[in-house]
Structures are given as C-alpha cells and as structure tokens.
Amino acid sequence: MPDVSREVVEHVSMLARLALSSEEINRLQHEMGRILEHADKLQAVNTDDIPGISHVIPMTNVYREDQVGPSLTPEEVVANAPESADEFFKVPRTVEE
C-alpha cells in the first residue's frame, strides 16, 4: 500500500486550513494512501458499457403554466413594515460608502 508523503499531507491540510499535529500527519499519510489505493481499484473497473447518469433514480422536471392570481397591492405589502418609503421596504445600510 503506497503511503502519501508527509509534504502532500501538509499541503492538503494547509489548503483545508487544518492545523494538524505530527501524530495526525503520520496517521493521515497512511489513511490517504488507503483512500488512493481504493480509488485505483475503482479506476480499474470497466465501465465502457455503463451509461452516464446524473441521478441514481429517474427524475423528470414537472412544468406547469404560470397562472396570474390575486395579489396584494404595494401599499398592502409595506403596511406592516417597520419602515417604508413609498412602495419600498426601508432597511438599515449594510454597505459603507
């Protein structure tokens, strides 16, 4: 089983923003090697006759026509707002100038 180099584990941990101890790095060298070994086994499987799929169960989109229905007037929409200006909600500024 190929172990992953210490440098690779340190690089991956840096990318993931993980602070690992020396013991954790040693353990992950072995574990990452096993993961890559398993990935190699999966690569060896012949999938030429298997069609590609995006979902494991069949899925179809359900479309319907848009229907216009009753709605509130702009005045009714902002009636319960803590603050409003004309037909708009007034909210605190979140971006500095």
N, C-alpha and C. Protein backbone atom coordinates (compact mmCIF):
# COMPACT_ATOMS: atom_id res chain seq x y z
N MET A 1 0.85 -1.18 0.00
CA MET A 1 0.00 0.00 0.00
C MET A 1 0.89 1.24 0.00
N PRO A 2 0.71 2.16 -0.97
CA PRO A 2 1.56 3.34 -1.03
C PRO A 2 1.12 4.39 0.00
N ASP A 3 2.04 4.78 0.86
CA ASP A 3 1.75 5.87 1.78
C ASP A 3 1.97 7.19 1.05
N VAL A 4 1.22 8.17 1.45
CA VAL A 4 1.34 9.51 0.88
C VAL A 4 2.46 10.23 1.61
N SER A 5 3.21 11.04 0.90
CA SER A 5 4.33 11.73 1.55
C SER A 5 3.83 12.75 2.58
N ARG A 6 4.67 13.03 3.53
CA ARG A 6 4.35 13.99 4.59
C ARG A 6 4.07 15.37 3.98
N GLU A 7 4.82 15.72 2.95
CA GLU A 7 4.65 17.03 2.31
C GLU A 7 3.25 17.16 1.68
N VAL A 8 2.76 16.08 1.10
CA VAL A 8 1.42 16.10 0.49
C VAL A 8 0.37 16.31 1.56
N VAL A 9 0.50 15.59 2.68
CA VAL A 9 -0.47 15.75 3.77
C VAL A 9 -0.43 17.17 4.31
N GLU A 10 0.76 17.72 4.49
CA GLU A 10 0.89 19.09 4.99
C GLU A 10 0.28 20.08 4.00
N HIS A 11 0.48 19.85 2.71
CA HIS A 11 -0.08 20.75 1.70
C HIS A 11 -1.61 20.69 1.71
N VAL A 12 -2.17 19.48 1.77
CA VAL A 12 -3.63 19.33 1.79
C VAL A 12 -4.20 19.96 3.06
N SER A 13 -3.53 19.77 4.19
CA SER A 13 -4.02 20.36 5.44
C SER A 13 -3.96 21.88 5.38
N MET A 14 -2.94 22.43 4.71
CA MET A 14 -2.86 23.89 4.55
C MET A 14 -4.00 24.39 3.68
N LEU A 15 -4.31 23.67 2.60
CA LEU A 15 -5.42 24.07 1.72
C LEU A 15 -6.75 24.00 2.46
N ALA A 16 -6.90 23.03 3.35
CA ALA A 16 -8.14 22.86 4.10
C ALA A 16 -8.14 23.71 5.37
N ARG A 17 -7.07 24.46 5.58
CA ARG A 17 -6.95 25.31 6.78
C ARG A 17 -7.05 24.49 8.07
N LEU A 18 -6.36 23.35 8.09
CA LEU A 18 -6.36 22.48 9.26
C LEU A 18 -4.99 22.53 9.92
N ALA A 19 -4.97 22.70 11.22
CA ALA A 19 -3.73 22.63 11.97
C ALA A 19 -3.60 21.21 12.50
N LEU A 20 -2.67 20.45 11.95
CA LEU A 20 -2.52 19.05 12.33
C LEU A 20 -1.26 18.85 13.16
N SER A 21 -1.38 17.98 14.14
CA SER A 21 -0.20 17.61 14.93
C SER A 21 0.64 16.61 14.13
N SER A 22 1.84 16.36 14.62
CA SER A 22 2.73 15.42 13.94
C SER A 22 2.12 14.02 13.90
N GLU A 23 1.45 13.64 15.00
CA GLU A 23 0.81 12.32 15.04
C GLU A 23 -0.32 12.21 14.01
N GLU A 24 -1.09 13.31 13.89
CA GLU A 24 -2.20 13.31 12.92
C GLU A 24 -1.66 13.22 11.50
N ILE A 25 -0.58 13.91 11.24
CA ILE A 25 0.02 13.85 9.89
C ILE A 25 0.48 12.43 9.58
N ASN A 26 1.12 11.79 10.55
CA ASN A 26 1.58 10.41 10.33
C ASN A 26 0.40 9.48 10.07
N ARG A 27 -0.68 9.63 10.83
CA ARG A 27 -1.86 8.78 10.65
C ARG A 27 -2.51 9.05 9.30
N LEU A 28 -2.59 10.32 8.92
CA LEU A 28 -3.23 10.67 7.65
C LEU A 28 -2.41 10.22 6.44
N GLN A 29 -1.10 10.13 6.58
CA GLN A 29 -0.29 9.60 5.49
C GLN A 29 -0.76 8.20 5.13
N HIS A 30 -0.97 7.38 6.13
CA HIS A 30 -1.42 6.01 5.92
C HIS A 30 -2.87 6.00 5.39
N GLU A 31 -3.76 6.80 6.01
CA GLU A 31 -5.17 6.79 5.62
C GLU A 31 -5.36 7.32 4.20
N MET A 32 -4.64 8.38 3.85
CA MET A 32 -4.77 8.91 2.49
C MET A 32 -4.23 7.90 1.47
N GLY A 33 -3.20 7.18 1.84
CA GLY A 33 -2.68 6.13 0.97
C GLY A 33 -3.72 5.05 0.71
N ARG A 34 -4.46 4.67 1.76
CA ARG A 34 -5.51 3.65 1.60
C ARG A 34 -6.64 4.18 0.73
N ILE A 35 -6.99 5.45 0.89
CA ILE A 35 -8.05 6.05 0.07
C ILE A 35 -7.63 6.03 -1.41
N LEU A 36 -6.39 6.42 -1.68
CA LEU A 36 -5.91 6.43 -3.06
C LEU A 36 -5.81 5.02 -3.63
N GLU A 37 -5.46 4.05 -2.79
CA GLU A 37 -5.43 2.66 -3.24
C GLU A 37 -6.84 2.21 -3.65
N HIS A 38 -7.83 2.58 -2.85
CA HIS A 38 -9.21 2.22 -3.18
C HIS A 38 -9.65 2.92 -4.48
N ALA A 39 -9.25 4.18 -4.66
CA ALA A 39 -9.58 4.90 -5.89
C ALA A 39 -8.95 4.21 -7.10
N ASP A 40 -7.74 3.70 -6.95
CA ASP A 40 -7.09 2.96 -8.04
C ASP A 40 -7.89 1.71 -8.41
N LYS A 41 -8.43 1.01 -7.40
CA LYS A 41 -9.25 -0.17 -7.67
C LYS A 41 -10.49 0.21 -8.46
N LEU A 42 -11.09 1.33 -8.09
CA LEU A 42 -12.29 1.78 -8.80
C LEU A 42 -11.96 2.18 -10.24
N GLN A 43 -10.79 2.76 -10.46
CA GLN A 43 -10.38 3.13 -11.82
C GLN A 43 -10.21 1.89 -12.70
N ALA A 44 -9.88 0.75 -12.10
CA ALA A 44 -9.65 -0.47 -12.87
C ALA A 44 -10.95 -1.12 -13.35
N VAL A 45 -12.09 -0.71 -12.81
CA VAL A 45 -13.37 -1.31 -13.19
C VAL A 45 -13.74 -0.84 -14.60
N ASN A 46 -14.13 -1.78 -15.45
CA ASN A 46 -14.53 -1.46 -16.81
C ASN A 46 -15.96 -0.91 -16.81
N THR A 47 -16.10 0.35 -17.19
CA THR A 47 -17.42 0.99 -17.21
C THR A 47 -17.81 1.43 -18.62
N ASP A 48 -17.19 0.82 -19.63
CA ASP A 48 -17.45 1.22 -21.01
C ASP A 48 -18.92 1.03 -21.40
N ASP A 49 -19.57 -0.03 -20.93
CA ASP A 49 -20.95 -0.30 -21.31
C ASP A 49 -21.97 0.31 -20.36
N ILE A 50 -21.54 1.12 -19.42
CA ILE A 50 -22.44 1.73 -18.44
C ILE A 50 -22.74 3.16 -18.87
N PRO A 51 -24.00 3.49 -19.10
CA PRO A 51 -24.32 4.87 -19.50
C PRO A 51 -24.13 5.83 -18.32
N GLY A 52 -23.72 7.04 -18.62
CA GLY A 52 -23.56 8.06 -17.59
C GLY A 52 -24.92 8.52 -17.07
N ILE A 53 -24.99 8.83 -15.80
CA ILE A 53 -26.22 9.30 -15.20
C ILE A 53 -25.91 10.48 -14.29
N SER A 54 -26.93 11.28 -14.03
CA SER A 54 -26.74 12.39 -13.09
C SER A 54 -27.46 12.13 -11.78
N HIS A 55 -28.42 11.20 -11.79
CA HIS A 55 -29.14 10.83 -10.57
C HIS A 55 -29.31 9.31 -10.54
N VAL A 56 -29.36 8.74 -9.35
CA VAL A 56 -29.49 7.30 -9.25
C VAL A 56 -30.92 6.83 -9.48
N ILE A 57 -31.87 7.73 -9.35
CA ILE A 57 -33.26 7.38 -9.66
C ILE A 57 -33.72 8.28 -10.80
N PRO A 58 -34.63 7.80 -11.65
CA PRO A 58 -35.09 8.64 -12.75
C PRO A 58 -35.80 9.89 -12.23
N MET A 59 -35.45 11.02 -12.82
CA MET A 59 -36.07 12.28 -12.40
C MET A 59 -36.52 13.04 -13.64
N THR A 60 -37.67 13.65 -13.55
CA THR A 60 -38.15 14.50 -14.63
C THR A 60 -38.64 15.80 -14.02
N ASN A 61 -38.48 16.87 -14.77
CA ASN A 61 -39.00 18.16 -14.33
C ASN A 61 -40.50 18.20 -14.55
N VAL A 62 -41.19 18.80 -13.61
CA VAL A 62 -42.63 18.97 -13.74
C VAL A 62 -42.87 20.44 -14.04
N TYR A 63 -43.34 20.70 -15.23
CA TYR A 63 -43.60 22.08 -15.63
C TYR A 63 -45.10 22.34 -15.60
N ARG A 64 -45.44 23.55 -15.29
CA ARG A 64 -46.83 23.97 -15.36
C ARG A 64 -46.86 25.39 -15.90
N GLU A 65 -47.98 25.74 -16.45
CA GLU A 65 -48.15 27.09 -16.98
C GLU A 65 -48.25 28.08 -15.82
N ASP A 66 -47.65 29.24 -15.99
CA ASP A 66 -47.82 30.28 -14.99
C ASP A 66 -49.26 30.77 -15.03
N GLN A 67 -49.80 31.00 -13.85
CA GLN A 67 -51.17 31.50 -13.77
C GLN A 67 -51.18 32.75 -12.91
N VAL A 68 -51.80 33.76 -13.43
CA VAL A 68 -51.94 35.01 -12.68
C VAL A 68 -53.03 34.81 -11.64
N GLY A 69 -52.72 35.17 -10.41
CA GLY A 69 -53.69 35.03 -9.33
C GLY A 69 -53.80 36.33 -8.56
N PRO A 70 -54.65 36.34 -7.58
CA PRO A 70 -54.80 37.56 -6.78
C PRO A 70 -53.51 37.85 -6.00
N SER A 71 -53.19 39.10 -5.87
CA SER A 71 -52.00 39.50 -5.13
C SER A 71 -52.29 40.79 -4.36
N LEU A 72 -51.37 41.14 -3.51
CA LEU A 72 -51.52 42.34 -2.69
C LEU A 72 -51.10 43.57 -3.47
N THR A 73 -51.65 44.69 -3.11
CA THR A 73 -51.21 45.97 -3.69
C THR A 73 -49.89 46.34 -3.01
N PRO A 74 -49.10 47.20 -3.63
CA PRO A 74 -47.85 47.63 -2.99
C PRO A 74 -48.09 48.24 -1.61
N GLU A 75 -49.18 48.97 -1.44
CA GLU A 75 -49.48 49.58 -0.14
C GLU A 75 -49.75 48.50 0.91
N GLU A 76 -50.45 47.44 0.52
CA GLU A 76 -50.74 46.36 1.45
C GLU A 76 -49.46 45.60 1.83
N VAL A 77 -48.55 45.49 0.89
CA VAL A 77 -47.31 44.76 1.14
C VAL A 77 -46.48 45.46 2.21
N VAL A 78 -46.34 46.77 2.13
CA VAL A 78 -45.50 47.50 3.09
C VAL A 78 -46.27 47.99 4.31
N ALA A 79 -47.54 47.68 4.41
CA ALA A 79 -48.36 48.19 5.51
C ALA A 79 -47.83 47.78 6.88
N ASN A 80 -47.29 46.58 7.04
CA ASN A 80 -46.80 46.11 8.33
C ASN A 80 -45.28 46.23 8.47
N ALA A 81 -44.62 46.87 7.54
CA ALA A 81 -43.17 47.02 7.61
C ALA A 81 -42.83 48.02 8.71
N PRO A 82 -41.74 47.79 9.44
CA PRO A 82 -41.34 48.76 10.46
C PRO A 82 -41.09 50.14 9.86
N GLU A 83 -40.46 50.17 8.70
CA GLU A 83 -40.25 51.43 7.99
C GLU A 83 -40.41 51.19 6.50
N SER A 84 -40.99 52.17 5.82
CA SER A 84 -41.12 52.07 4.36
C SER A 84 -41.01 53.45 3.76
N ALA A 85 -40.67 53.47 2.49
CA ALA A 85 -40.61 54.71 1.72
C ALA A 85 -41.30 54.44 0.41
N ASP A 86 -42.43 55.10 0.22
CA ASP A 86 -43.28 54.88 -0.94
C ASP A 86 -43.70 53.41 -0.97
N GLU A 87 -43.31 52.67 -2.01
CA GLU A 87 -43.71 51.27 -2.13
C GLU A 87 -42.56 50.32 -1.77
N PHE A 88 -41.58 50.80 -1.04
CA PHE A 88 -40.37 50.02 -0.77
C PHE A 88 -40.15 49.82 0.73
N PHE A 89 -39.52 48.70 1.09
CA PHE A 89 -39.10 48.47 2.47
C PHE A 89 -37.86 49.30 2.73
N LYS A 90 -37.79 49.93 3.88
CA LYS A 90 -36.62 50.70 4.27
C LYS A 90 -35.83 49.85 5.27
N VAL A 91 -34.57 49.60 4.95
CA VAL A 91 -33.73 48.75 5.79
C VAL A 91 -32.45 49.50 6.15
N PRO A 92 -31.79 49.09 7.23
CA PRO A 92 -30.54 49.75 7.59
C PRO A 92 -29.46 49.52 6.52
N ARG A 93 -28.60 50.52 6.37
CA ARG A 93 -27.50 50.41 5.41
C ARG A 93 -26.55 49.31 5.87
N THR A 94 -26.15 48.44 4.94
CA THR A 94 -25.23 47.35 5.27
C THR A 94 -23.88 47.51 4.57
N VAL A 95 -23.80 48.41 3.62
CA VAL A 95 -22.55 48.63 2.88
C VAL A 95 -22.12 50.06 3.11
N GLU A 96 -20.84 50.22 3.49
CA GLU A 96 -20.34 51.57 3.71
C GLU A 96 -20.07 52.23 2.38
N GLU A 97 -20.09 53.55 2.40
CA GLU A 97 -19.86 54.31 1.16
C GLU A 97 -18.41 54.33 0.81
